[in-house]
Amino acid sequence: MFEGLFQPLHLIVILAIALIVFGPGKLPEIGAGLGKSIREFKKAMADDGKSKIDYEKDVPPRQDKTS
């Protein structure tokens, strides 16, 4: 049923729709947030709750762009 779902052309169409919906300014923020979420999830899975994870040291401070 889903065997041909992730073909390169399909992914390009999905990315084009995301670009139209969110705009080029928001996509880096969305990507950074998604990457941070994945890193935190992987750390939590590897940590097994043995110690508190310090997320702030892995992520550089956010620099807001004012225009």
Protein backbone atom coordinates (compact mmCIF):
# COMPACT_ATOMS: atom_id res chain seq x y z
CA MET A 1 0.00 0.00 0.00
CA PHE A 2 2.75 2.48 0.95
CA GLU A 3 5.57 0.88 -1.03
CA GLY A 4 6.18 3.83 -3.39
CA LEU A 5 5.43 6.60 -0.90
CA PHE A 6 8.95 7.98 -0.37
CA GLN A 7 10.18 8.29 -3.90
CA PRO A 8 12.42 11.31 -4.63
CA LEU A 9 9.73 13.14 -6.61
CA HIS A 10 7.25 12.75 -3.75
CA LEU A 11 9.74 14.15 -1.26
CA ILE A 12 10.43 17.14 -3.53
CA VAL A 13 6.70 17.85 -3.75
CA ILE A 14 6.34 17.62 0.04
CA LEU A 15 9.27 20.00 0.54
CA ALA A 16 7.84 22.44 -2.01
CA ILE A 17 4.49 22.46 -0.20
CA ALA A 18 6.25 23.02 3.13
CA LEU A 19 8.17 25.93 1.60
CA ILE A 20 4.94 27.48 0.34
CA VAL A 21 3.09 27.00 3.63
CA PHE A 22 5.80 28.04 6.09
CA GLY A 23 7.94 30.32 3.93
CA PRO A 24 11.73 30.38 3.65
CA GLY A 25 12.18 32.26 6.93
CA LYS A 26 10.49 29.68 9.14
CA LEU A 27 11.94 26.51 7.63
CA PRO A 28 15.36 26.78 9.37
CA GLU A 29 13.61 27.25 12.72
CA ILE A 30 11.38 24.26 12.08
CA GLY A 31 14.37 22.14 11.06
CA ALA A 32 16.35 23.19 14.13
CA GLY A 33 13.42 22.39 16.39
CA LEU A 34 12.93 19.01 14.77
CA GLY A 35 16.63 18.21 15.07
CA LYS A 36 16.67 19.24 18.73
CA SER A 37 13.64 17.05 19.41
CA ILE A 38 15.28 14.04 17.78
CA ARG A 39 18.53 14.60 19.73
CA GLU A 40 16.64 14.88 23.01
CA PHE A 41 14.66 11.74 22.26
CA LYS A 42 17.82 9.78 21.43
CA LYS A 43 19.52 11.01 24.61
CA ALA A 44 16.50 10.08 26.69
CA MET A 45 16.43 6.61 25.16
CA ALA A 46 20.16 6.11 25.78
CA ASP A 47 20.03 7.63 29.26
CA ASP A 48 17.28 5.36 30.65
CA GLY A 49 16.54 7.97 33.34
CA LYS A 50 19.87 7.56 35.16
CA SER A 51 20.82 11.24 35.16
CA LYS A 52 19.41 14.62 34.26
CA ILE A 53 20.23 15.68 30.70
CA ASP A 54 21.57 19.18 30.18
CA TYR A 55 20.05 20.30 26.88
CA GLU A 56 21.32 23.86 27.04
CA LYS A 57 24.98 22.95 26.47
CA ASP A 58 24.20 21.19 23.16
CA VAL A 59 22.21 24.01 21.61
CA PRO A 60 23.86 27.36 20.86
CA PRO A 61 22.01 30.45 22.08
CA ARG A 62 19.30 31.64 19.73
CA GLN A 63 20.06 34.83 17.85
CA ASP A 64 16.91 36.66 16.85
CA LYS A 65 17.04 38.46 13.54
CA THR A 66 15.43 41.86 13.60
CA SER A 67 14.70 43.57 10.35
